[in-house]
Amino acid sequence: MMINSPDTLIKFMRNGLVEEQHFGYVVVLNRVHIVDRVGESGNYPYYLRSCAKPLQASLMIDFGMDEAFGMTEEEIAFCCSSHTGEQCHVEIARGLLEKIGLDESYLKCVARKPISIAERERLLLDDEEPGVLNHNCSGKHIMMLGLCMMHNWDLKTYDEPSHPLQKLIKEKIYDLCELKKAYPVSKDGCGVPVYSMPLENIGKGYLNLFCSDEYSKIRDAFLNHPYIIGGDDRTDTKIIQNSKNLVAKVSAGGICVVVNIENEECLVVKISDCDSRAREYVTIDALKNMHWADIDLDYQIRTNSGEVVGEIVTTL
């Protein structure tokens, strides 16, 4: 039986009243067992969404795509990213496509407004339309195209579950995450297959990836280029920038995964309603409680004129 009993993780208090609260789960684990947990998620599966990206990118290392196309560390990071679509990200995308020998018309993700508000405003002021390279998943799609080019696989159907690439990705994710049974599969927002699994298995996958010397290139890309992984005001970028030994990745499904490279432990946070603001406060407070990082956030609720009328309280 699948157990799914979330706990209250955060409350937004206005003059002593709970105005807003969010439920979810927190799991801390190492390679052997669960160290701590809040909320009982049991074996209930959740979709990886963008947290799948570094796991998918492991095939890039397995097949030597980085060496075949002379990829930089920034380009490796870009292939794992959920970027904000800023000019620095778009420039990396164009450079990598040129190395692979393709153009943006091959990408199956559609043109989308950048996540970065500043970049949206710039496009508007410059009378430019957002393009496919502004899509936060463009790095993953370029990586998939690169692997197809290496193997002479069909470029038009690389997003289909029956494609050789997607079959290999599923096999690799199941291996890294130590999955012994099949869980539901769907399509991510960008159109490629996305896999579900219990939170514990997500953590195992990240430990097996980031704590392995075999994938040190991916680990180093995260540690050295956090802005490429996310961008302006992104939780994973903040965590990596404000620590020495943490890698982090967020997803649209309300999940944030953080790996402590030094002690080989992993934190997985899942917010049930997928609220990104709640996820950031819960994740960063959990990091403070575990003495992994001390990142400043504003916990006060204010009026438009700046008067303090409440506070944000996590219940960890």
C-alpha atoms as a PDB file:
ATOM      1  CA  MET A   1       0.000   0.000   0.000  1.00  0.00           C
ATOM      2  CA  MET A   2       1.278   3.495  -0.875  1.00  0.00           C
ATOM      3  CA  ILE A   3       1.501   5.751   2.184  1.00  0.00           C
ATOM      4  CA  ASN A   4       1.078   9.459   1.525  1.00  0.00           C
ATOM      5  CA  SER A   5       0.789  11.553   4.686  1.00  0.00           C
ATOM      6  CA  PRO A   6       2.470  14.968   4.391  1.00  0.00           C
ATOM      7  CA  ASP A   7       3.321  17.182   7.350  1.00  0.00           C
ATOM      8  CA  THR A   8       2.900  20.939   7.664  1.00  0.00           C
ATOM      9  CA  LEU A   9       6.296  22.351   6.687  1.00  0.00           C
ATOM     10  CA  ILE A  10       5.768  26.112   6.600  1.00  0.00           C
ATOM     11  CA  LYS A  11       3.290  28.773   7.740  1.00  0.00           C
ATOM     12  CA  PHE A  12       2.870  32.370   6.662  1.00  0.00           C
ATOM     13  CA  MET A  13       1.647  34.260   9.739  1.00  0.00           C
ATOM     14  CA  ARG A  14      -0.029  37.672   9.539  1.00  0.00           C
ATOM     15  CA  ASN A  15      -0.624  39.296  12.946  1.00  0.00           C
ATOM     16  CA  GLY A  16      -0.727  35.924  14.683  1.00  0.00           C
ATOM     17  CA  LEU A  17      -3.071  34.211  12.212  1.00  0.00           C
ATOM     18  CA  VAL A  18      -2.084  31.493   9.756  1.00  0.00           C
ATOM     19  CA  GLU A  19      -2.804  33.066   6.383  1.00  0.00           C
ATOM     20  CA  GLU A  20      -1.073  30.434   4.275  1.00  0.00           C
ATOM     21  CA  GLN A  21       0.477  27.022   4.947  1.00  0.00           C
ATOM     22  CA  HIS A  22       2.113  24.343   2.862  1.00  0.00           C
ATOM     23  CA  PHE A  23       2.488  20.621   3.387  1.00  0.00           C
ATOM     24  CA  GLY A  24       5.075  18.174   2.190  1.00  0.00           C
ATOM     25  CA  TYR A  25       7.984  15.921   2.978  1.00  0.00           C
ATOM     26  CA  VAL A  26      11.638  16.144   3.941  1.00  0.00           C
ATOM     27  CA  VAL A  27      13.929  13.142   3.610  1.00  0.00           C
ATOM     28  CA  VAL A  28      17.614  12.954   4.553  1.00  0.00           C
ATOM     29  CA  LEU A  29      19.515   9.843   3.540  1.00  0.00           C
ATOM     30  CA  ASN A  30      22.905   8.371   2.851  1.00  0.00           C
ATOM     31  CA  ARG A  31      23.795   5.450   0.582  1.00  0.00           C
ATOM     32  CA  VAL A  32      22.718   2.918   3.226  1.00  0.00           C
ATOM     33  CA  HIS A  33      19.607   4.198   4.977  1.00  0.00           C
ATOM     34  CA  ILE A  34      17.274   7.118   5.744  1.00  0.00           C
ATOM     35  CA  VAL A  35      18.826   9.386   8.375  1.00  0.00           C
ATOM     36  CA  ASP A  36      15.782  11.561   9.085  1.00  0.00           C
ATOM     37  CA  ARG A  37      12.379  12.380   7.644  1.00  0.00           C
ATOM     38  CA  VAL A  38       9.430  14.708   8.096  1.00  0.00           C
ATOM     39  CA  GLY A  39       6.129  13.483   6.704  1.00  0.00           C
ATOM     40  CA  GLU A  40       5.523   9.902   5.654  1.00  0.00           C
ATOM     41  CA  SER A  41       5.779   9.520   1.881  1.00  0.00           C
ATOM     42  CA  GLY A  42       6.581   5.812   2.031  1.00  0.00           C
ATOM     43  CA  ASN A  43       6.834   4.330  -1.441  1.00  0.00           C
ATOM     44  CA  TYR A  44       4.475   6.848  -3.061  1.00  0.00           C
ATOM     45  CA  PRO A  45       6.062   7.909  -6.378  1.00  0.00           C
ATOM     46  CA  TYR A  46       6.609  11.493  -7.499  1.00  0.00           C
ATOM     47  CA  TYR A  47       7.721  12.644 -10.916  1.00  0.00           C
ATOM     48  CA  LEU A  48      11.333  13.743 -11.196  1.00  0.00           C
ATOM     49  CA  ARG A  49      10.479  16.594 -13.579  1.00  0.00           C
ATOM     50  CA  SER A  50      13.624  18.717 -14.004  1.00  0.00           C
ATOM     51  CA  CYS A  51      15.426  16.868 -11.230  1.00  0.00           C
ATOM     52  CA  ALA A  52      15.912  14.189 -13.892  1.00  0.00           C
ATOM     53  CA  LYS A  53      18.322  16.384 -15.865  1.00  0.00           C
ATOM     54  CA  PRO A  54      21.670  15.505 -14.234  1.00  0.00           C
ATOM     55  CA  LEU A  55      20.622  11.836 -14.217  1.00  0.00           C
ATOM     56  CA  GLN A  56      19.812  12.029 -17.931  1.00  0.00           C
ATOM     57  CA  ALA A  57      23.096  13.843 -18.557  1.00  0.00           C
ATOM     58  CA  SER A  58      25.057  10.913 -17.116  1.00  0.00           C
ATOM     59  CA  LEU A  59      24.708   9.297 -20.567  1.00  0.00           C
ATOM     60  CA  MET A  60      26.613  12.268 -21.966  1.00  0.00           C
ATOM     61  CA  ILE A  61      29.592  11.122 -19.891  1.00  0.00           C
ATOM     62  CA  ASP A  62      29.011   7.409 -20.502  1.00  0.00           C
ATOM     63  CA  PHE A  63      29.222   7.893 -24.268  1.00  0.00           C
ATOM     64  CA  GLY A  64      31.940  10.552 -24.202  1.00  0.00           C
ATOM     65  CA  MET A  65      29.782  13.229 -25.801  1.00  0.00           C
ATOM     66  CA  ASP A  66      31.685  15.898 -23.894  1.00  0.00           C
ATOM     67  CA  GLU A  67      34.960  14.772 -25.461  1.00  0.00           C
ATOM     68  CA  ALA A  68      33.504  14.104 -28.907  1.00  0.00           C
ATOM     69  CA  PHE A  69      32.274  17.690 -29.226  1.00  0.00           C
ATOM     70  CA  GLY A  70      34.961  19.393 -27.117  1.00  0.00           C
ATOM     71  CA  MET A  71      32.428  20.581 -24.560  1.00  0.00           C
ATOM     72  CA  THR A  72      33.394  23.102 -21.907  1.00  0.00           C
ATOM     73  CA  GLU A  73      32.478  22.737 -18.240  1.00  0.00           C
ATOM     74  CA  GLU A  74      29.871  25.474 -18.725  1.00  0.00           C
ATOM     75  CA  GLU A  75      28.285  23.491 -21.549  1.00  0.00           C
ATOM     76  CA  ILE A  76      28.120  20.386 -19.358  1.00  0.00           C
ATOM     77  CA  ALA A  77      26.378  22.469 -16.685  1.00  0.00           C
ATOM     78  CA  PHE A  78      24.006  23.877 -19.300  1.00  0.00           C
ATOM     79  CA  CYS A  79      22.921  20.361 -20.320  1.00  0.00           C
ATOM     80  CA  CYS A  80      21.878  19.734 -16.683  1.00  0.00           C
ATOM     81  CA  SER A  81      20.213  23.093 -16.171  1.00  0.00           C
ATOM     82  CA  SER A  82      16.758  24.508 -15.646  1.00  0.00           C
ATOM     83  CA  HIS A  83      18.053  27.898 -16.657  1.00  0.00           C
ATOM     84  CA  THR A  84      16.314  31.249 -16.533  1.00  0.00           C
ATOM     85  CA  GLY A  85      16.774  31.939 -20.252  1.00  0.00           C
ATOM     86  CA  GLU A  86      19.167  34.854 -19.862  1.00  0.00           C
ATOM     87  CA  GLN A  87      21.603  35.926 -22.570  1.00  0.00           C
ATOM     88  CA  CYS A  88      24.449  33.967 -20.979  1.00  0.00           C
ATOM     89  CA  HIS A  89      22.381  30.787 -21.275  1.00  0.00           C
ATOM     90  CA  VAL A  90      21.290  31.465 -24.847  1.00  0.00           C
ATOM     91  CA  GLU A  91      24.882  32.115 -25.927  1.00  0.00           C
ATOM     92  CA  ILE A  92      26.008  28.770 -24.481  1.00  0.00           C
ATOM     93  CA  ALA A  93      23.125  27.046 -26.274  1.00  0.00           C
ATOM     94  CA  ARG A  94      24.103  28.543 -29.626  1.00  0.00           C
ATOM     95  CA  GLY A  95      27.741  27.608 -29.171  1.00  0.00           C
ATOM     96  CA  LEU A  96      26.930  24.016 -28.274  1.00  0.00           C
ATOM     97  CA  LEU A  97      24.525  23.632 -31.201  1.00  0.00           C
ATOM     98  CA  GLU A  98      27.273  24.866 -33.517  1.00  0.00           C
ATOM     99  CA  LYS A  99      29.663  22.240 -32.148  1.00  0.00           C
ATOM    100  CA  ILE A 100      27.066  19.506 -32.666  1.00  0.00           C
ATOM    101  CA  GLY A 101      26.318  20.737 -36.181  1.00  0.00           C
ATOM    102  CA  LEU A 102      22.631  21.507 -35.787  1.00  0.00           C
ATOM    103  CA  ASP A 103      20.427  24.555 -35.405  1.00  0.00           C
ATOM    104  CA  GLU A 104      17.605  25.341 -32.998  1.00  0.00           C
ATOM    105  CA  SER A 105      14.904  24.101 -35.380  1.00  0.00           C
ATOM    106  CA  TYR A 106      15.709  20.529 -34.294  1.00  0.00           C
ATOM    107  CA  LEU A 107      14.728  21.162 -30.661  1.00  0.00           C
ATOM    108  CA  LYS A 108      11.371  19.705 -29.633  1.00  0.00           C
ATOM    109  CA  CYS A 109      10.873  22.149 -26.770  1.00  0.00           C
ATOM    110  CA  VAL A 110       8.883  25.163 -27.955  1.00  0.00           C
ATOM    111  CA  ALA A 111       9.662  28.872 -27.822  1.00  0.00           C
ATOM    112  CA  ARG A 112       8.937  30.090 -24.304  1.00  0.00           C
ATOM    113  CA  LYS A 113       9.299  33.261 -22.277  1.00  0.00           C
ATOM    114  CA  PRO A 114      12.427  33.172 -20.106  1.00  0.00           C
ATOM    115  CA  ILE A 115      11.992  32.566 -16.392  1.00  0.00           C
ATOM    116  CA  SER A 116      14.130  35.628 -15.691  1.00  0.00           C
ATOM    117  CA  ILE A 117      11.898  38.673 -15.247  1.00  0.00           C
ATOM    118  CA  ALA A 118      14.766  40.960 -16.203  1.00  0.00           C
ATOM    119  CA  GLU A 119      15.307  39.061 -19.442  1.00  0.00           C
ATOM    120  CA  ARG A 120      11.571  39.176 -20.229  1.00  0.00           C
ATOM    121  CA  GLU A 121      11.670  42.949 -19.822  1.00  0.00           C
ATOM    122  CA  ARG A 122      14.763  43.225 -22.012  1.00  0.00           C
ATOM    123  CA  LEU A 123      13.111  41.239 -24.800  1.00  0.00           C
ATOM    124  CA  LEU A 124      10.044  43.457 -24.555  1.00  0.00           C
ATOM    125  CA  LEU A 125      12.041  46.693 -24.638  1.00  0.00           C
ATOM    126  CA  ASP A 126      14.152  45.444 -27.570  1.00  0.00           C
ATOM    127  CA  ASP A 127      11.028  44.254 -29.403  1.00  0.00           C
ATOM    128  CA  GLU A 128      12.352  40.676 -29.534  1.00  0.00           C
ATOM    129  CA  GLU A 129      10.293  37.515 -29.375  1.00  0.00           C
ATOM    130  CA  PRO A 130      11.355  34.757 -26.972  1.00  0.00           C
ATOM    131  CA  GLY A 131      12.815  31.759 -28.738  1.00  0.00           C
ATOM    132  CA  VAL A 132      13.265  28.060 -28.157  1.00  0.00           C
ATOM    133  CA  LEU A 133      16.691  28.668 -26.614  1.00  0.00           C
ATOM    134  CA  ASN A 134      15.042  30.734 -23.863  1.00  0.00           C
ATOM    135  CA  HIS A 135      13.189  27.583 -22.817  1.00  0.00           C
ATOM    136  CA  ASN A 136      14.513  26.384 -19.477  1.00  0.00           C
ATOM    137  CA  CYS A 137      14.884  22.828 -20.855  1.00  0.00           C
ATOM    138  CA  SER A 138      16.831  23.726 -24.005  1.00  0.00           C
ATOM    139  CA  GLY A 139      20.092  22.412 -22.539  1.00  0.00           C
ATOM    140  CA  LYS A 140      18.642  18.956 -21.969  1.00  0.00           C
ATOM    141  CA  HIS A 141      17.232  18.869 -25.496  1.00  0.00           C
ATOM    142  CA  ILE A 142      20.544  19.909 -27.072  1.00  0.00           C
ATOM    143  CA  MET A 143      22.276  17.175 -25.065  1.00  0.00           C
ATOM    144  CA  MET A 144      19.773  14.628 -26.379  1.00  0.00           C
ATOM    145  CA  LEU A 145      20.350  15.793 -29.951  1.00  0.00           C
ATOM    146  CA  GLY A 146      24.094  15.482 -29.463  1.00  0.00           C
ATOM    147  CA  LEU A 147      23.750  11.875 -28.342  1.00  0.00           C
ATOM    148  CA  CYS A 148      21.535  11.159 -31.353  1.00  0.00           C
ATOM    149  CA  MET A 149      24.151  12.647 -33.679  1.00  0.00           C
ATOM    150  CA  MET A 150      26.827  10.415 -32.156  1.00  0.00           C
ATOM    151  CA  HIS A 151      24.760   7.261 -32.710  1.00  0.00           C
ATOM    152  CA  ASN A 152      23.072   8.227 -35.995  1.00  0.00           C
ATOM    153  CA  TRP A 153      19.671   7.986 -34.313  1.00  0.00           C
ATOM    154  CA  ASP A 154      16.604   9.695 -35.742  1.00  0.00           C
ATOM    155  CA  LEU A 155      16.566  13.383 -34.846  1.00  0.00           C
ATOM    156  CA  LYS A 156      12.871  13.930 -35.455  1.00  0.00           C
ATOM    157  CA  THR A 157      11.579  11.490 -32.836  1.00  0.00           C
ATOM    158  CA  TYR A 158      14.169  11.795 -30.056  1.00  0.00           C
ATOM    159  CA  ASP A 159      11.414  12.845 -27.624  1.00  0.00           C
ATOM    160  CA  GLU A 160       9.349   9.678 -28.069  1.00  0.00           C
ATOM    161  CA  PRO A 161       9.413   6.895 -25.437  1.00  0.00           C
ATOM    162  CA  SER A 162      10.112   4.318 -28.159  1.00  0.00           C
ATOM    163  CA  HIS A 163      13.266   6.128 -29.338  1.00  0.00           C
ATOM    164  CA  PRO A 164      16.558   4.307 -28.571  1.00  0.00           C
ATOM    165  CA  LEU A 165      17.790   7.328 -26.601  1.00  0.00           C
ATOM    166  CA  GLN A 166      14.749   7.474 -24.332  1.00  0.00           C
ATOM    167  CA  LYS A 167      14.949   3.730 -23.712  1.00  0.00           C
ATOM    168  CA  LEU A 168      18.570   4.136 -22.613  1.00  0.00           C
ATOM    169  CA  ILE A 169      17.695   7.122 -20.412  1.00  0.00           C
ATOM    170  CA  LYS A 170      14.993   5.125 -18.633  1.00  0.00           C
ATOM    171  CA  GLU A 171      17.372   2.226 -18.082  1.00  0.00           C
ATOM    172  CA  LYS A 172      20.059   4.573 -16.750  1.00  0.00           C
ATOM    173  CA  ILE A 173      17.714   6.404 -14.383  1.00  0.00           C
ATOM    174  CA  TYR A 174      16.374   3.130 -13.021  1.00  0.00           C
ATOM    175  CA  ASP A 175      19.938   1.938 -12.453  1.00  0.00           C
ATOM    176  CA  LEU A 176      21.174   5.099 -10.718  1.00  0.00           C
ATOM    177  CA  CYS A 177      18.045   5.374  -8.561  1.00  0.00           C
ATOM    178  CA  GLU A 178      18.110   1.656  -7.658  1.00  0.00           C
ATOM    179  CA  LEU A 179      14.536   1.059  -8.782  1.00  0.00           C
ATOM    180  CA  LYS A 180      13.420  -2.560  -8.614  1.00  0.00           C
ATOM    181  CA  LYS A 181       9.903  -2.087 -10.017  1.00  0.00           C
ATOM    182  CA  ALA A 182       8.197   0.041 -12.610  1.00  0.00           C
ATOM    183  CA  TYR A 183       6.437   3.280 -11.665  1.00  0.00           C
ATOM    184  CA  PRO A 184       4.148   5.557 -13.719  1.00  0.00           C
ATOM    185  CA  VAL A 185       5.657   7.388 -16.686  1.00  0.00           C
ATOM    186  CA  SER A 186       4.367  10.601 -18.229  1.00  0.00           C
ATOM    187  CA  LYS A 187       5.670  13.459 -20.372  1.00  0.00           C
ATOM    188  CA  ASP A 188       7.393  16.493 -18.919  1.00  0.00           C
ATOM    189  CA  GLY A 189       6.328  20.017 -19.820  1.00  0.00           C
ATOM    190  CA  CYS A 190       8.967  20.096 -22.569  1.00  0.00           C
ATOM    191  CA  GLY A 191       7.619  16.888 -24.099  1.00  0.00           C
ATOM    192  CA  VAL A 192      10.164  14.193 -23.232  1.00  0.00           C
ATOM    193  CA  PRO A 193       9.350  11.175 -21.021  1.00  0.00           C
ATOM    194  CA  VAL A 194       9.474  11.794 -17.275  1.00  0.00           C
ATOM    195  CA  TYR A 195       9.699   9.070 -14.640  1.00  0.00           C
ATOM    196  CA  SER A 196       8.261   8.791 -11.147  1.00  0.00           C
ATOM    197  CA  MET A 197       9.662   7.123  -8.048  1.00  0.00           C
ATOM    198  CA  PRO A 198       9.678   7.376  -4.229  1.00  0.00           C
ATOM    199  CA  LEU A 199      11.611  10.303  -2.761  1.00  0.00           C
ATOM    200  CA  GLU A 200      14.178   7.937  -1.262  1.00  0.00           C
ATOM    201  CA  ASN A 201      15.075   6.656  -4.713  1.00  0.00           C
ATOM    202  CA  ILE A 202      15.492  10.190  -6.035  1.00  0.00           C
ATOM    203  CA  GLY A 203      18.029  10.745  -3.261  1.00  0.00           C
ATOM    204  CA  LYS A 204      19.815   7.479  -4.061  1.00  0.00           C
ATOM    205  CA  GLY A 205      20.101   8.477  -7.692  1.00  0.00           C
ATOM    206  CA  TYR A 206      21.698  11.789  -6.782  1.00  0.00           C
ATOM    207  CA  LEU A 207      24.127  10.166  -4.349  1.00  0.00           C
ATOM    208  CA  ASN A 208      25.135   7.564  -6.923  1.00  0.00           C
ATOM    209  CA  LEU A 209      25.713  10.303  -9.496  1.00  0.00           C
ATOM    210  CA  PHE A 210      27.313  13.155  -7.584  1.00  0.00           C
ATOM    211  CA  CYS A 211      29.374  11.068  -5.155  1.00  0.00           C
ATOM    212  CA  SER A 212      30.928   8.974  -7.914  1.00  0.00           C
ATOM    213  CA  ASP A 213      34.272   9.854  -9.492  1.00  0.00           C
ATOM    214  CA  GLU A 214      32.876   8.461 -12.755  1.00  0.00           C
ATOM    215  CA  TYR A 215      30.661  11.546 -13.006  1.00  0.00           C
ATOM    216  CA  SER A 216      33.035  14.084 -11.515  1.00  0.00           C
ATOM    217  CA  LYS A 217      32.662  16.248 -14.625  1.00  0.00           C
ATOM    218  CA  ILE A 218      28.972  16.752 -13.852  1.00  0.00           C
ATOM    219  CA  ARG A 219      29.696  17.374 -10.172  1.00  0.00           C
ATOM    220  CA  ASP A 220      32.390  19.938 -10.998  1.00  0.00           C
ATOM    221  CA  ALA A 221      30.125  21.642 -13.533  1.00  0.00           C
ATOM    222  CA  PHE A 222      27.506  22.166 -10.809  1.00  0.00           C
ATOM    223  CA  LEU A 223      30.010  23.371  -8.227  1.00  0.00           C
ATOM    224  CA  ASN A 224      31.837  25.742 -10.576  1.00  0.00           C
ATOM    225  CA  HIS A 225      28.925  27.144 -12.607  1.00  0.00           C
ATOM    226  CA  PRO A 226      25.864  27.515 -10.365  1.00  0.00           C
ATOM    227  CA  TYR A 227      24.501  30.434 -12.380  1.00  0.00           C
ATOM    228  CA  ILE A 228      24.375  28.295 -15.505  1.00  0.00           C
ATOM    229  CA  ILE A 229      22.480  25.586 -13.583  1.00  0.00           C
ATOM    230  CA  GLY A 230      19.743  28.074 -12.656  1.00  0.00           C
ATOM    231  CA  GLY A 231      20.207  31.811 -12.865  1.00  0.00           C
ATOM    232  CA  ASP A 232      18.758  34.928 -11.295  1.00  0.00           C
ATOM    233  CA  ASP A 233      16.926  34.286  -7.988  1.00  0.00           C
ATOM    234  CA  ARG A 234      16.936  30.495  -8.380  1.00  0.00           C
ATOM    235  CA  THR A 235      17.077  28.359  -5.239  1.00  0.00           C
ATOM    236  CA  ASP A 236      19.600  25.830  -6.534  1.00  0.00           C
ATOM    237  CA  THR A 237      21.931  28.608  -7.689  1.00  0.00           C
ATOM    238  CA  LYS A 238      21.734  30.300  -4.273  1.00  0.00           C
ATOM    239  CA  ILE A 239      22.545  27.075  -2.441  1.00  0.00           C
ATOM    240  CA  ILE A 240      25.578  26.216  -4.573  1.00  0.00           C
ATOM    241  CA  GLN A 241      26.893  29.796  -4.539  1.00  0.00           C
ATOM    242  CA  ASN A 242      26.657  30.010  -0.743  1.00  0.00           C
ATOM    243  CA  SER A 243      28.355  26.720   0.083  1.00  0.00           C
ATOM    244  CA  LYS A 244      31.558  24.865  -0.694  1.00  0.00           C
ATOM    245  CA  ASN A 245      30.418  21.268  -0.956  1.00  0.00           C
ATOM    246  CA  LEU A 246      26.733  21.292  -1.922  1.00  0.00           C
ATOM    247  CA  VAL A 247      25.102  20.637  -5.284  1.00  0.00           C
ATOM    248  CA  ALA A 248      21.397  21.366  -5.696  1.00  0.00           C
ATOM    249  CA  LYS A 249      18.656  21.002  -8.288  1.00  0.00           C
ATOM    250  CA  VAL A 250      15.030  22.133  -8.304  1.00  0.00           C
ATOM    251  CA  SER A 251      12.099  20.946 -10.386  1.00  0.00           C
ATOM    252  CA  ALA A 252       8.660  22.198 -11.370  1.00  0.00           C
ATOM    253  CA  GLY A 253       7.161  19.436  -9.243  1.00  0.00           C
ATOM    254  CA  GLY A 254       7.974  21.196  -5.980  1.00  0.00           C
ATOM    255  CA  ILE A 255      11.109  19.128  -5.376  1.00  0.00           C
ATOM    256  CA  CYS A 256      14.579  20.299  -4.399  1.00  0.00           C
ATOM    257  CA  VAL A 257      17.458  17.846  -4.047  1.00  0.00           C
ATOM    258  CA  VAL A 258      20.696  18.814  -2.288  1.00  0.00           C
ATOM    259  CA  VAL A 259      23.753  16.567  -2.050  1.00  0.00           C
ATOM    260  CA  ASN A 260      26.466  17.143   0.517  1.00  0.00           C
ATOM    261  CA  ILE A 261      29.530  15.939  -1.369  1.00  0.00           C
ATOM    262  CA  GLU A 262      31.699  15.916   1.769  1.00  0.00           C
ATOM    263  CA  ASN A 263      29.632  13.576   3.968  1.00  0.00           C
ATOM    264  CA  GLU A 264      27.773  11.850   1.087  1.00  0.00           C
ATOM    265  CA  GLU A 265      24.299  12.620   2.390  1.00  0.00           C
ATOM    266  CA  CYS A 266      21.304  13.870   0.451  1.00  0.00           C
ATOM    267  CA  LEU A 267      18.357  16.120   1.311  1.00  0.00           C
ATOM    268  CA  VAL A 268      15.124  15.767  -0.661  1.00  0.00           C
ATOM    269  CA  VAL A 269      12.318  18.298  -0.132  1.00  0.00           C
ATOM    270  CA  LYS A 270       8.889  17.885  -1.724  1.00  0.00           C
ATOM    271  CA  ILE A 271       6.196  20.554  -1.346  1.00  0.00           C
ATOM    272  CA  SER A 272       2.800  18.988  -2.004  1.00  0.00           C
ATOM    273  CA  ASP A 273       1.292  21.951  -3.869  1.00  0.00           C
ATOM    274  CA  CYS A 274       4.584  22.626  -5.708  1.00  0.00           C
ATOM    275  CA  ASP A 275       4.861  26.193  -4.351  1.00  0.00           C
ATOM    276  CA  SER A 276       8.387  27.406  -5.180  1.00  0.00           C
ATOM    277  CA  ARG A 277       8.561  30.037  -2.429  1.00  0.00           C
ATOM    278  CA  ALA A 278       7.633  27.496   0.241  1.00  0.00           C
ATOM    279  CA  ARG A 279      10.161  25.065  -1.207  1.00  0.00           C
ATOM    280  CA  GLU A 280      12.969  27.612  -0.925  1.00  0.00           C
ATOM    281  CA  TYR A 281      12.284  28.481   2.727  1.00  0.00           C
ATOM    282  CA  VAL A 282      11.890  24.850   3.762  1.00  0.00           C
ATOM    283  CA  THR A 283      15.021  23.709   1.922  1.00  0.00           C
ATOM    284  CA  ILE A 284      17.229  26.508   3.198  1.00  0.00           C
ATOM    285  CA  ASP A 285      15.964  26.114   6.773  1.00  0.00           C
ATOM    286  CA  ALA A 286      16.659  22.386   6.572  1.00  0.00           C
ATOM    287  CA  LEU A 287      20.211  23.156   5.427  1.00  0.00           C
ATOM    288  CA  LYS A 288      20.639  25.519   8.386  1.00  0.00           C
ATOM    289  CA  ASN A 289      19.326  22.920  10.833  1.00  0.00           C
ATOM    290  CA  MET A 290      21.784  20.333   9.513  1.00  0.00           C
ATOM    291  CA  HIS A 291      24.655  22.872   9.545  1.00  0.00           C
ATOM    292  CA  TRP A 292      25.231  22.343   5.830  1.00  0.00           C
ATOM    293  CA  ALA A 293      24.809  26.002   4.868  1.00  0.00           C
ATOM    294  CA  ASP A 294      23.688  29.316   6.345  1.00  0.00           C
ATOM    295  CA  ILE A 295      21.887  31.318   3.671  1.00  0.00           C
ATOM    296  CA  ASP A 296      20.074  34.549   4.488  1.00  0.00           C
ATOM    297  CA  LEU A 297      16.382  34.889   3.652  1.00  0.00           C
ATOM    298  CA  ASP A 298      13.851  37.523   4.651  1.00  0.00           C
ATOM    299  CA  TYR A 299      11.312  35.900   6.990  1.00  0.00           C
ATOM    300  CA  GLN A 300       9.239  39.029   7.554  1.00  0.00           C
ATOM    301  CA  ILE A 301       5.903  39.784   5.868  1.00  0.00           C
ATOM    302  CA  ARG A 302       5.468  43.439   5.010  1.00  0.00           C
ATOM    303  CA  THR A 303       2.932  45.842   3.620  1.00  0.00           C
ATOM    304  CA  ASN A 304       3.682  47.589   0.334  1.00  0.00           C
ATOM    305  CA  SER A 305       5.170  50.479   2.300  1.00  0.00           C
ATOM    306  CA  GLY A 306       7.502  48.178   4.246  1.00  0.00           C
ATOM    307  CA  GLU A 307       5.699  47.857   7.585  1.00  0.00           C
ATOM    308  CA  VAL A 308       6.253  44.450   9.180  1.00  0.00           C
ATOM    309  CA  VAL A 309       2.923  42.694   9.802  1.00  0.00           C
ATOM    310  CA  GLY A 310       3.877  39.044  10.040  1.00  0.00           C
ATOM    311  CA  GLU A 311       6.501  36.354   9.622  1.00  0.00           C
ATOM    312  CA  ILE A 312       7.287  33.167   7.743  1.00  0.00           C
ATOM    313  CA  VAL A 313       7.831  30.160  10.007  1.00  0.00           C
ATOM    314  CA  THR A 314       9.025  26.703   9.006  1.00  0.00           C
ATOM    315  CA  THR A 315       7.999  23.828  11.269  1.00  0.00           C
ATOM    316  CA  LEU A 316      11.056  21.606  10.842  1.00  0.00           C
END
